[in-house]
N, C-alpha and C. Protein backbone atom coordinates (compact mmCIF):
# COMPACT_ATOMS: atom_id res chain seq x y z
N MET A 1 1.89 -55.25 35.61
CA MET A 1 1.39 -55.00 34.14
C MET A 1 0.53 -53.83 34.32
N LYS A 2 -0.48 -53.97 35.09
CA LYS A 2 -1.55 -52.86 34.96
C LYS A 2 -0.91 -51.29 35.34
N ILE A 3 -0.19 -51.46 36.20
CA ILE A 3 0.40 -50.17 36.82
C ILE A 3 1.38 -49.43 35.71
N SER A 4 1.99 -50.45 34.78
CA SER A 4 2.98 -50.00 33.96
C SER A 4 2.07 -49.17 32.76
N LYS A 5 0.97 -49.90 32.37
CA LYS A 5 0.08 -49.33 31.62
C LYS A 5 -0.64 -48.00 31.84
N LEU A 6 -0.96 -48.05 33.33
CA LEU A 6 -1.38 -46.85 33.99
C LEU A 6 -0.41 -45.56 33.66
N VAL A 7 1.23 -45.80 34.07
CA VAL A 7 1.92 -44.92 33.92
C VAL A 7 2.22 -44.41 32.51
N VAL A 8 2.13 -45.26 31.38
CA VAL A 8 2.29 -44.68 30.18
C VAL A 8 1.08 -43.94 29.81
N VAL A 9 -0.08 -44.38 30.13
CA VAL A 9 -1.23 -43.71 29.88
C VAL A 9 -1.34 -42.27 30.42
N MET A 10 -0.85 -42.18 31.77
CA MET A 10 -0.73 -40.80 32.37
C MET A 10 0.40 -40.11 31.58
N ALA A 11 1.41 -40.63 31.27
CA ALA A 11 2.63 -39.87 30.80
C ALA A 11 2.19 -39.45 29.45
N LEU A 12 1.45 -40.31 28.63
CA LEU A 12 0.85 -39.61 27.37
C LEU A 12 -0.10 -38.26 27.61
N PHE A 13 -1.02 -38.57 28.54
CA PHE A 13 -1.98 -37.58 29.00
C PHE A 13 -1.08 -36.20 29.35
N CYS A 14 -0.13 -36.41 30.03
CA CYS A 14 0.56 -35.12 30.24
C CYS A 14 1.40 -34.63 29.13
N ILE A 15 2.05 -35.61 28.32
CA ILE A 15 2.62 -34.82 26.98
C ILE A 15 1.55 -34.04 26.13
N PHE A 16 0.20 -34.68 26.06
CA PHE A 16 -0.65 -33.90 25.08
C PHE A 16 -1.19 -32.79 25.67
N ALA A 17 -1.19 -32.73 27.12
CA ALA A 17 -1.68 -31.51 27.79
C ALA A 17 -0.67 -30.55 27.73
N LEU A 18 0.70 -30.75 27.89
CA LEU A 18 1.69 -29.81 27.74
C LEU A 18 1.80 -29.29 26.11
N VAL A 19 1.81 -30.13 25.27
CA VAL A 19 1.71 -29.69 23.69
C VAL A 19 0.64 -28.75 23.54
N GLY A 20 -0.59 -28.99 24.17
CA GLY A 20 -1.95 -28.23 23.92
C GLY A 20 -1.60 -26.79 24.70
N CYS A 21 -1.03 -26.78 25.65
CA CYS A 21 -0.65 -25.54 26.31
C CYS A 21 0.23 -24.59 25.51
N GLY A 22 1.24 -25.31 25.08
CA GLY A 22 2.22 -24.83 23.82
C GLY A 22 1.39 -24.11 22.70
N THR A 23 0.57 -24.78 22.27
CA THR A 23 -0.24 -24.42 21.00
C THR A 23 -1.19 -23.11 21.46
N ASP A 24 -1.85 -23.18 22.58
CA ASP A 24 -2.65 -21.92 22.89
C ASP A 24 -1.57 -20.96 23.29
N GLU A 25 -0.56 -21.02 23.72
CA GLU A 25 0.42 -19.95 24.06
C GLU A 25 0.98 -19.15 22.77
N LEU A 26 1.08 -19.96 21.83
CA LEU A 26 1.83 -19.45 20.62
C LEU A 26 0.57 -18.73 19.77
N HIS A 27 -0.54 -19.46 19.58
CA HIS A 27 -1.71 -18.88 18.64
C HIS A 27 -2.72 -18.26 19.43
N GLY A 28 -3.11 -18.56 20.39
CA GLY A 28 -4.37 -18.21 21.21
C GLY A 28 -4.33 -16.66 21.98
N THR A 29 -3.10 -16.51 22.30
CA THR A 29 -3.07 -15.22 23.02
C THR A 29 -2.12 -14.39 22.60
N SER A 30 -1.79 -14.52 21.31
CA SER A 30 -0.75 -13.37 20.77
C SER A 30 -1.78 -12.10 20.48
N ASP A 31 -1.03 -11.16 20.69
CA ASP A 31 -1.75 -9.77 20.20
C ASP A 31 -1.80 -9.38 18.62
N THR A 32 -3.04 -9.44 18.11
CA THR A 32 -2.69 -9.13 16.78
C THR A 32 -3.46 -7.69 16.22
N SER A 33 -3.33 -6.80 17.55
CA SER A 33 -3.84 -5.38 17.12
C SER A 33 -2.95 -4.58 16.38
N ASP A 34 -1.68 -4.91 16.52
CA ASP A 34 -0.74 -4.27 15.32
C ASP A 34 -0.64 -5.34 14.19
N ILE A 35 -1.10 -4.89 13.19
CA ILE A 35 -1.15 -5.80 11.97
C ILE A 35 0.30 -5.80 11.35
N SER A 36 0.95 -4.89 11.54
CA SER A 36 2.29 -4.93 10.96
C SER A 36 3.15 -6.13 11.43
N GLN A 37 3.04 -6.10 12.70
CA GLN A 37 3.57 -7.21 13.48
C GLN A 37 3.15 -8.67 13.02
N THR A 38 2.03 -8.71 12.62
CA THR A 38 1.64 -10.26 12.05
C THR A 38 1.36 -10.59 10.78
N ILE A 39 1.98 -9.60 9.98
CA ILE A 39 1.93 -10.03 8.30
C ILE A 39 3.28 -10.11 8.14
N ALA A 40 3.59 -11.19 7.28
CA ALA A 40 4.92 -11.41 6.82
C ALA A 40 5.21 -10.34 5.59
N ILE A 41 6.07 -9.44 5.96
CA ILE A 41 6.28 -8.21 4.78
C ILE A 41 7.51 -8.72 4.00
N ASP A 42 7.23 -8.68 2.70
CA ASP A 42 8.36 -8.93 1.69
C ASP A 42 9.22 -7.90 1.61
N VAL A 43 8.65 -6.70 1.30
CA VAL A 43 9.53 -5.23 1.16
C VAL A 43 9.10 -4.43 2.20
N LYS A 44 10.06 -3.78 2.77
CA LYS A 44 9.68 -2.61 3.65
C LYS A 44 10.57 -1.44 3.09
N ILE A 45 9.78 -0.52 2.87
CA ILE A 45 10.42 0.96 2.13
C ILE A 45 10.77 1.54 3.38
N ASN A 46 12.16 1.97 3.60
CA ASN A 46 12.69 2.61 4.52
C ASN A 46 12.75 4.24 4.40
N GLU A 47 12.76 4.89 5.40
CA GLU A 47 12.82 6.42 5.18
C GLU A 47 13.90 6.62 4.69
N GLU A 48 15.03 6.18 4.96
CA GLU A 48 16.31 6.63 4.60
C GLU A 48 16.56 6.49 2.97
N THR A 49 15.68 5.40 2.48
CA THR A 49 15.89 4.91 0.93
C THR A 49 14.58 4.99 0.29
N PHE A 50 13.72 5.89 0.77
CA PHE A 50 12.42 5.93 0.21
C PHE A 50 12.22 6.08 -1.14
N VAL A 51 13.05 7.31 -1.65
CA VAL A 51 12.70 7.50 -3.11
C VAL A 51 13.47 6.41 -3.93
N ASP A 52 14.57 6.17 -3.67
CA ASP A 52 15.23 5.06 -4.50
C ASP A 52 14.50 3.56 -4.47
N GLN A 53 13.93 3.27 -3.42
CA GLN A 53 12.97 2.08 -3.34
C GLN A 53 11.51 2.19 -4.17
N VAL A 54 10.96 3.37 -3.91
CA VAL A 54 9.75 3.68 -4.53
C VAL A 54 9.89 3.60 -6.34
N GLU A 55 11.27 4.10 -6.63
CA GLU A 55 11.46 4.52 -8.01
C GLU A 55 11.73 2.95 -8.63
N HIS A 56 12.44 2.17 -7.77
CA HIS A 56 12.95 0.71 -8.15
C HIS A 56 11.45 -0.07 -8.49
N ILE A 57 10.46 0.24 -7.59
CA ILE A 57 9.27 -0.59 -7.64
C ILE A 57 8.52 -0.12 -9.06
N LEU A 58 8.53 1.22 -9.26
CA LEU A 58 7.63 1.89 -10.33
C LEU A 58 8.10 1.45 -11.59
N LEU A 59 9.57 1.16 -11.66
CA LEU A 59 10.43 0.96 -13.07
C LEU A 59 10.40 -0.39 -13.12
N ASN A 60 10.30 -1.32 -12.20
CA ASN A 60 10.61 -2.75 -12.21
C ASN A 60 9.34 -3.56 -11.70
N PRO A 61 8.27 -3.09 -11.96
CA PRO A 61 7.13 -3.92 -11.36
C PRO A 61 6.96 -5.23 -11.33
N ASN A 62 7.70 -5.90 -12.65
CA ASN A 62 7.37 -7.14 -12.43
C ASN A 62 8.12 -7.95 -11.39
N GLU A 63 9.14 -7.30 -10.83
CA GLU A 63 9.76 -7.93 -9.85
C GLU A 63 9.01 -7.95 -8.47
N TYR A 64 7.99 -7.11 -8.29
CA TYR A 64 7.20 -6.88 -7.22
C TYR A 64 5.92 -7.41 -7.12
N PHE A 65 5.32 -7.81 -8.18
CA PHE A 65 3.97 -8.20 -8.30
C PHE A 65 3.98 -9.47 -7.43
N GLY A 66 2.54 -9.42 -6.40
CA GLY A 66 2.34 -10.38 -5.60
C GLY A 66 3.12 -10.37 -4.02
N LYS A 67 3.87 -9.25 -4.24
CA LYS A 67 4.74 -9.03 -2.83
C LYS A 67 4.13 -8.20 -2.02
N LYS A 68 4.11 -8.64 -0.63
CA LYS A 68 3.52 -7.49 0.64
C LYS A 68 4.74 -6.45 0.79
N ILE A 69 3.90 -5.35 0.55
CA ILE A 69 4.93 -4.03 0.74
C ILE A 69 4.32 -3.33 1.89
N ARG A 70 5.25 -2.72 2.67
CA ARG A 70 5.11 -1.71 3.99
C ARG A 70 5.74 -0.52 3.79
N PHE A 71 4.95 0.67 3.88
CA PHE A 71 5.74 2.04 3.97
C PHE A 71 4.77 2.97 4.44
N GLU A 72 5.45 4.19 4.90
CA GLU A 72 4.78 5.10 5.54
C GLU A 72 4.66 6.38 4.56
N GLY A 73 3.91 7.16 4.62
CA GLY A 73 3.69 8.56 3.85
C GLY A 73 2.41 9.26 4.09
N ILE A 74 2.15 10.23 3.19
CA ILE A 74 1.11 10.89 3.38
C ILE A 74 -0.07 10.44 2.58
N TYR A 75 -1.31 10.33 2.91
CA TYR A 75 -2.50 9.84 2.41
C TYR A 75 -3.12 10.94 1.58
N GLU A 76 -3.39 10.67 0.30
CA GLU A 76 -4.24 11.68 -0.42
C GLU A 76 -5.10 11.10 -1.42
N SER A 77 -6.49 11.32 -1.49
CA SER A 77 -7.42 10.82 -2.48
C SER A 77 -8.08 11.84 -3.40
N GLU A 78 -8.20 11.57 -4.32
CA GLU A 78 -8.64 12.70 -5.16
C GLU A 78 -9.56 12.10 -6.33
N LYS A 79 -10.84 12.77 -6.33
CA LYS A 79 -11.97 12.41 -7.25
C LYS A 79 -11.84 13.00 -8.36
N PHE A 80 -12.08 12.12 -9.42
CA PHE A 80 -12.11 12.72 -11.02
C PHE A 80 -13.41 12.18 -11.41
N TYR A 81 -13.99 12.99 -12.52
CA TYR A 81 -15.02 12.48 -13.26
C TYR A 81 -14.53 12.26 -14.68
N ILE A 82 -15.17 11.62 -15.41
CA ILE A 82 -15.16 11.28 -16.63
C ILE A 82 -15.87 11.93 -17.94
N THR A 83 -15.13 12.61 -18.64
CA THR A 83 -15.86 13.25 -19.47
C THR A 83 -15.49 12.89 -21.03
N PRO A 84 -16.31 12.60 -22.06
CA PRO A 84 -16.00 12.34 -23.21
C PRO A 84 -15.58 13.50 -24.00
N MET A 85 -14.44 13.34 -25.01
CA MET A 85 -13.94 14.55 -25.91
C MET A 85 -13.87 13.84 -27.32
N GLU A 86 -14.31 14.49 -28.22
CA GLU A 86 -14.37 14.11 -29.51
C GLU A 86 -12.99 14.61 -30.34
N ILE A 87 -12.19 13.92 -30.68
CA ILE A 87 -10.82 14.32 -31.57
C ILE A 87 -10.72 13.52 -32.69
N ASP A 88 -10.61 14.25 -33.88
CA ASP A 88 -10.69 13.88 -35.27
C ASP A 88 -11.77 12.45 -35.47
N GLY A 89 -12.81 12.79 -34.93
CA GLY A 89 -13.91 12.10 -35.15
C GLY A 89 -14.31 10.71 -34.27
N TYR A 90 -13.05 10.67 -33.31
CA TYR A 90 -13.17 9.64 -32.39
C TYR A 90 -13.66 10.15 -30.93
N ILE A 91 -13.99 9.50 -30.31
CA ILE A 91 -14.40 9.69 -28.74
C ILE A 91 -13.37 9.30 -27.94
N HIS A 92 -12.87 10.23 -27.15
CA HIS A 92 -11.80 9.81 -26.22
C HIS A 92 -12.36 10.30 -24.82
N TYR A 93 -11.94 9.58 -23.62
CA TYR A 93 -12.41 9.91 -22.48
C TYR A 93 -11.07 10.42 -21.72
N THR A 94 -11.49 11.37 -20.94
CA THR A 94 -10.42 11.98 -20.13
C THR A 94 -11.01 12.30 -18.70
N LEU A 95 -9.95 12.53 -17.90
CA LEU A 95 -10.15 12.63 -16.40
C LEU A 95 -10.20 14.02 -15.99
N MET A 96 -10.99 14.52 -15.29
CA MET A 96 -11.01 15.85 -14.99
C MET A 96 -11.37 16.00 -13.38
N PRO A 97 -10.50 16.93 -12.64
CA PRO A 97 -10.77 16.81 -11.21
C PRO A 97 -12.04 17.21 -10.69
N ALA A 98 -12.74 16.53 -9.89
CA ALA A 98 -14.16 16.98 -9.63
C ALA A 98 -13.89 17.80 -8.23
N ASP A 99 -14.72 18.92 -8.18
CA ASP A 99 -14.87 19.80 -7.02
C ASP A 99 -16.04 19.35 -6.34
N ALA A 100 -16.23 20.09 -5.17
CA ALA A 100 -17.36 19.65 -4.20
C ALA A 100 -18.84 19.53 -5.02
N ASN A 101 -19.02 20.69 -5.93
CA ASN A 101 -20.17 20.98 -6.69
C ASN A 101 -20.48 19.76 -7.81
N TYR A 102 -19.48 19.15 -8.15
CA TYR A 102 -19.82 17.91 -9.19
C TYR A 102 -20.03 16.86 -8.67
N ILE A 103 -21.18 16.10 -9.06
CA ILE A 103 -21.77 14.97 -8.74
C ILE A 103 -21.80 14.06 -10.03
N SER A 104 -21.29 13.06 -9.94
CA SER A 104 -21.44 12.04 -11.07
C SER A 104 -21.45 10.48 -10.81
N ASN A 105 -22.06 9.66 -11.33
CA ASN A 105 -21.87 8.38 -11.02
C ASN A 105 -20.83 7.77 -11.91
N ASP A 106 -20.15 8.37 -12.75
CA ASP A 106 -19.08 8.00 -13.57
C ASP A 106 -17.72 8.45 -12.84
N SER A 107 -17.72 8.79 -11.80
CA SER A 107 -16.52 9.25 -10.96
C SER A 107 -15.55 8.10 -10.64
N ILE A 108 -14.37 8.44 -10.44
CA ILE A 108 -13.26 7.71 -10.01
C ILE A 108 -12.41 8.24 -9.03
N VAL A 109 -11.92 7.58 -8.06
CA VAL A 109 -11.34 8.06 -6.96
C VAL A 109 -9.74 7.39 -7.00
N PHE A 110 -8.74 8.25 -7.11
CA PHE A 110 -7.48 7.67 -7.07
C PHE A 110 -6.81 7.96 -5.76
N GLN A 111 -6.11 7.08 -4.92
CA GLN A 111 -5.61 7.20 -3.99
C GLN A 111 -4.05 7.04 -3.92
N VAL A 112 -3.40 7.84 -3.34
CA VAL A 112 -1.97 7.49 -3.09
C VAL A 112 -1.35 7.82 -1.66
N VAL A 113 -0.26 7.17 -1.47
CA VAL A 113 0.46 7.23 -0.33
C VAL A 113 1.85 7.86 -0.70
N PHE A 114 2.33 9.00 -0.35
CA PHE A 114 3.42 9.58 -0.94
C PHE A 114 4.15 10.65 -0.09
N ARG A 115 5.61 11.02 -0.42
CA ARG A 115 6.03 12.06 0.32
C ARG A 115 6.47 13.20 -0.71
N ASN A 116 6.63 14.28 -0.40
CA ASN A 116 7.04 15.37 -1.16
C ASN A 116 8.31 15.20 -1.59
N LEU A 117 8.59 15.37 -2.94
CA LEU A 117 10.09 15.42 -3.57
C LEU A 117 10.63 16.67 -3.98
N ILE A 118 11.86 16.97 -3.58
CA ILE A 118 12.55 17.97 -4.20
C ILE A 118 13.69 17.20 -4.97
N ILE A 119 13.77 17.93 -6.38
CA ILE A 119 14.86 17.01 -7.13
C ILE A 119 15.86 18.22 -7.20
N GLU A 120 17.01 18.07 -7.00
CA GLU A 120 18.18 19.11 -7.38
C GLU A 120 18.51 19.18 -8.38
N PRO A 121 18.93 20.25 -9.15
CA PRO A 121 19.28 20.46 -10.25
C PRO A 121 20.47 19.35 -10.80
N GLY A 122 19.92 18.90 -12.16
CA GLY A 122 20.60 17.94 -12.75
C GLY A 122 20.14 16.11 -12.12
N GLY A 123 19.36 16.43 -11.37
CA GLY A 123 18.88 15.32 -10.82
C GLY A 123 17.97 14.34 -11.82
N LYS A 124 17.61 13.32 -11.70
CA LYS A 124 16.85 12.10 -12.57
C LYS A 124 15.84 11.50 -11.51
N TYR A 125 14.37 11.40 -12.04
CA TYR A 125 13.66 10.60 -11.24
C TYR A 125 12.76 9.71 -12.30
N LEU A 126 12.60 8.42 -12.21
CA LEU A 126 11.54 7.82 -12.87
C LEU A 126 12.21 7.81 -14.48
N GLY A 127 13.10 7.93 -14.67
CA GLY A 127 13.68 7.95 -16.09
C GLY A 127 13.76 9.43 -16.76
N HIS A 128 13.48 10.49 -15.87
CA HIS A 128 13.17 11.62 -16.46
C HIS A 128 14.39 12.72 -16.07
N ASP A 129 15.08 13.31 -16.90
CA ASP A 129 15.89 14.31 -16.12
C ASP A 129 15.44 15.55 -15.80
N PHE A 130 15.97 16.16 -14.82
CA PHE A 130 15.54 17.46 -14.17
C PHE A 130 16.90 18.46 -14.11
N PRO A 131 17.26 18.93 -15.53
CA PRO A 131 18.39 19.94 -15.58
C PRO A 131 18.21 21.10 -14.66
N TYR A 132 16.97 21.50 -14.47
CA TYR A 132 16.97 22.73 -13.39
C TYR A 132 16.05 22.25 -11.99
N GLY A 133 16.22 21.32 -11.88
CA GLY A 133 15.67 20.70 -10.61
C GLY A 133 14.09 20.83 -10.63
N SER A 134 13.42 20.55 -9.33
CA SER A 134 12.01 20.61 -9.26
C SER A 134 11.70 20.43 -7.89
N ALA A 135 10.86 21.50 -7.33
CA ALA A 135 10.20 21.37 -5.97
C ALA A 135 8.97 21.10 -5.75
N SER A 136 8.34 20.28 -6.68
CA SER A 136 6.86 20.16 -6.62
C SER A 136 6.70 18.83 -7.06
N GLU A 137 7.62 17.85 -7.20
CA GLU A 137 7.40 16.47 -7.37
C GLU A 137 6.53 15.59 -5.96
N ARG A 138 6.31 14.59 -6.49
CA ARG A 138 6.04 13.52 -5.29
C ARG A 138 6.56 12.18 -5.45
N ALA A 139 6.87 11.50 -4.59
CA ALA A 139 7.51 9.98 -4.59
C ALA A 139 6.41 9.16 -3.82
N GLY A 140 5.85 8.38 -4.44
CA GLY A 140 4.92 7.44 -3.93
C GLY A 140 4.37 6.46 -4.86
N ILE A 141 3.31 5.65 -4.16
CA ILE A 141 2.66 4.46 -4.71
C ILE A 141 1.31 4.70 -4.80
N GLY A 142 0.56 4.33 -5.76
CA GLY A 142 -1.08 4.47 -5.94
C GLY A 142 -1.54 3.26 -5.12
N VAL A 143 -2.47 3.49 -4.41
CA VAL A 143 -3.25 2.42 -3.64
C VAL A 143 -4.67 2.30 -3.80
N LEU A 144 -5.12 0.89 -3.39
CA LEU A 144 -6.42 0.78 -3.37
C LEU A 144 -6.94 0.38 -2.18
N TRP A 145 -7.95 1.09 -1.57
CA TRP A 145 -8.45 0.89 -0.11
C TRP A 145 -10.10 1.27 -0.11
N ASP A 146 -10.75 -0.01 0.28
CA ASP A 146 -12.23 0.12 0.43
C ASP A 146 -12.58 0.42 1.68
N GLY A 147 -11.70 0.44 2.91
CA GLY A 147 -12.20 0.78 3.98
C GLY A 147 -12.23 2.20 4.29
N GLU A 148 -12.47 2.72 5.50
CA GLU A 148 -12.78 4.06 5.98
C GLU A 148 -11.49 4.95 5.62
N ARG A 149 -11.65 5.87 4.84
CA ARG A 149 -10.61 6.70 4.20
C ARG A 149 -10.22 7.60 5.36
N PRO A 150 -8.84 7.86 5.53
CA PRO A 150 -8.45 8.91 6.37
C PRO A 150 -8.53 10.38 5.84
N ASP A 151 -8.38 11.24 6.47
CA ASP A 151 -8.27 12.69 5.95
C ASP A 151 -7.10 12.71 5.09
N ASN A 152 -7.43 13.50 4.10
CA ASN A 152 -6.07 13.94 3.28
C ASN A 152 -5.08 14.51 4.03
N GLY A 153 -3.64 14.26 3.73
CA GLY A 153 -2.84 14.88 4.60
C GLY A 153 -2.40 14.08 5.94
N SER A 154 -3.15 12.90 6.20
CA SER A 154 -2.86 12.13 7.45
C SER A 154 -1.48 11.30 7.06
N TRP A 155 -0.72 11.39 8.02
CA TRP A 155 0.43 10.36 7.98
C TRP A 155 -0.04 8.96 8.13
N VAL A 156 0.16 7.97 7.35
CA VAL A 156 -0.34 6.62 7.49
C VAL A 156 0.85 5.38 7.31
N GLU A 157 0.67 4.43 7.79
CA GLU A 157 1.15 3.23 7.41
C GLU A 157 0.34 2.33 6.47
N ALA A 158 0.93 1.99 5.25
CA ALA A 158 0.21 1.32 4.14
C ALA A 158 0.83 -0.02 3.97
N ILE A 159 -0.01 -1.10 4.06
CA ILE A 159 0.47 -2.38 4.04
C ILE A 159 -0.45 -3.06 2.82
N GLY A 160 0.25 -3.70 1.99
CA GLY A 160 -0.65 -4.23 0.74
C GLY A 160 -0.07 -5.21 -0.23
N ILE A 161 -0.38 -5.68 -1.23
CA ILE A 161 0.11 -6.59 -2.18
C ILE A 161 0.22 -5.79 -3.51
N PHE A 162 1.49 -5.83 -4.10
CA PHE A 162 1.51 -4.97 -5.14
C PHE A 162 1.07 -5.69 -6.48
N GLU A 163 -0.18 -5.25 -7.16
CA GLU A 163 -0.63 -5.90 -8.13
C GLU A 163 -1.01 -4.97 -9.38
N ARG A 164 -1.24 -5.91 -10.47
CA ARG A 164 -1.68 -5.08 -11.75
C ARG A 164 -3.17 -5.23 -11.98
N VAL A 165 -3.77 -4.04 -11.78
CA VAL A 165 -5.19 -3.87 -11.58
C VAL A 165 -5.96 -3.27 -12.76
N VAL A 166 -7.05 -3.73 -13.41
CA VAL A 166 -7.83 -3.10 -14.46
C VAL A 166 -8.86 -2.39 -13.93
N ILE A 167 -8.80 -1.10 -14.31
CA ILE A 167 -9.67 0.16 -13.94
C ILE A 167 -10.56 0.48 -15.03
N LYS A 168 -11.82 0.62 -14.98
CA LYS A 168 -12.77 1.19 -16.05
C LYS A 168 -12.76 2.67 -15.86
N ILE A 169 -12.37 3.45 -17.01
CA ILE A 169 -12.52 4.67 -16.96
C ILE A 169 -13.37 4.93 -18.41
N GLY A 170 -14.67 5.36 -18.14
CA GLY A 170 -15.57 5.40 -19.08
C GLY A 170 -15.85 4.20 -19.64
N GLU A 171 -15.75 3.92 -20.92
CA GLU A 171 -15.85 2.72 -21.78
C GLU A 171 -14.49 2.00 -21.81
N MET A 172 -13.31 2.63 -21.51
CA MET A 172 -12.06 2.26 -21.57
C MET A 172 -11.57 1.67 -20.40
N PRO A 173 -11.19 0.17 -20.40
CA PRO A 173 -10.56 -0.24 -19.29
C PRO A 173 -9.17 0.13 -19.38
N THR A 174 -8.56 0.52 -18.35
CA THR A 174 -6.92 0.72 -18.05
C THR A 174 -6.39 -0.04 -17.30
N GLU A 175 -5.20 -0.39 -17.40
CA GLU A 175 -4.33 -1.02 -16.41
C GLU A 175 -3.53 -0.25 -15.59
N ARG A 176 -3.30 -0.43 -14.37
CA ARG A 176 -2.52 0.20 -13.37
C ARG A 176 -1.81 -0.48 -12.31
N ASN A 177 -0.64 -0.30 -11.96
CA ASN A 177 0.07 -0.95 -11.03
C ASN A 177 -0.22 -0.17 -9.79
N LEU A 178 -0.77 -1.04 -8.71
CA LEU A 178 -1.21 -0.35 -7.69
C LEU A 178 -0.85 -1.35 -6.26
N LEU A 179 -0.85 -0.78 -5.12
CA LEU A 179 -0.68 -1.51 -3.89
C LEU A 179 -2.13 -1.75 -3.27
N ASN A 180 -2.51 -3.11 -3.49
CA ASN A 180 -3.90 -3.28 -2.93
C ASN A 180 -3.83 -3.49 -1.47
N LEU A 181 -4.32 -2.57 -0.80
CA LEU A 181 -4.07 -2.58 0.73
C LEU A 181 -4.75 -3.67 1.56
N ILE A 182 -4.07 -4.08 2.48
CA ILE A 182 -4.47 -5.03 3.56
C ILE A 182 -4.96 -4.22 4.74
N SER A 183 -4.09 -3.15 5.01
CA SER A 183 -4.30 -2.32 6.18
C SER A 183 -3.94 -0.83 5.69
N LEU A 184 -4.58 0.28 6.35
CA LEU A 184 -4.16 1.68 6.17
C LEU A 184 -4.40 2.06 7.56
N THR A 185 -3.45 2.55 8.33
CA THR A 185 -3.24 2.95 9.72
C THR A 185 -2.80 4.29 9.84
N VAL A 186 -3.57 5.32 10.33
CA VAL A 186 -3.14 6.64 10.87
C VAL A 186 -2.35 6.54 11.79
N LEU A 187 -0.93 6.84 11.68
CA LEU A 187 0.06 7.21 12.91
C LEU A 187 -0.06 8.29 13.43
N ASP A 188 0.41 8.41 14.91
CA ASP A 188 0.31 9.62 15.57
C ASP A 188 1.82 10.38 15.41
N GLU A 189 2.83 9.28 15.15
CA GLU A 189 4.43 9.93 14.94
C GLU A 189 4.56 9.83 13.52
N GLN A 190 5.11 11.04 13.03
CA GLN A 190 5.25 11.46 11.63
C GLN A 190 6.57 11.32 11.34
N GLY A 191 6.78 10.74 9.98
CA GLY A 191 8.22 10.85 9.54
C GLY A 191 8.63 12.04 8.76
N LEU A 192 9.48 11.86 7.90
CA LEU A 192 9.95 12.88 6.93
C LEU A 192 8.99 13.27 5.79
N GLU A 193 8.34 14.29 5.88
CA GLU A 193 7.46 14.59 4.66
C GLU A 193 7.95 14.83 3.41
N THR A 194 9.14 15.60 3.25
CA THR A 194 10.00 16.09 2.17
C THR A 194 11.11 15.26 2.07
N VAL A 195 11.20 14.82 0.86
CA VAL A 195 12.67 14.15 0.73
C VAL A 195 13.40 14.76 -0.41
N ILE A 196 14.74 14.79 -0.47
CA ILE A 196 15.62 15.30 -1.30
C ILE A 196 16.17 14.45 -2.34
N ARG A 197 16.24 14.72 -3.52
CA ARG A 197 17.05 13.79 -4.28
C ARG A 197 18.12 14.62 -5.29
């Protein structure tokens, strides 16, 4: 009787030890340096369908709110300052691009990840017709990133959650659909900077 109890106890000990080893192997030693491999992505914007996917997100934001989106493109940030303008007796606030000489506490930074877009004559983008085409458009998504910002023009991988965000411009709050980033990584290998539609 004592021997059979000892065998059962030893068998249970071995099972618990094996289960413990399996857990450590799955969770303890996984490489988390590549965040795009560890985050469950809902929407991956592909190079071949970049314009179509970005356009669909911007035109149908309600389908994407709360989803994790991953895409690559050119990073750019631009600083604006807020200036009041009086029109018809009312004060309106407008954004003006800030240069290096302008310093203001009321400045706001807009960040975007994009690709240059050439629209062929007769093409359409974001509901607008381009009968003569266009060579100076951009296809991309505005992003929010509080971490270290890469240099403008860097090729990046952006991963974030698509959200409706309230931004205060002057005294006026405004709502924007932006990708609130979880990670922003500068990549060595660059994709297609300019896409044609």
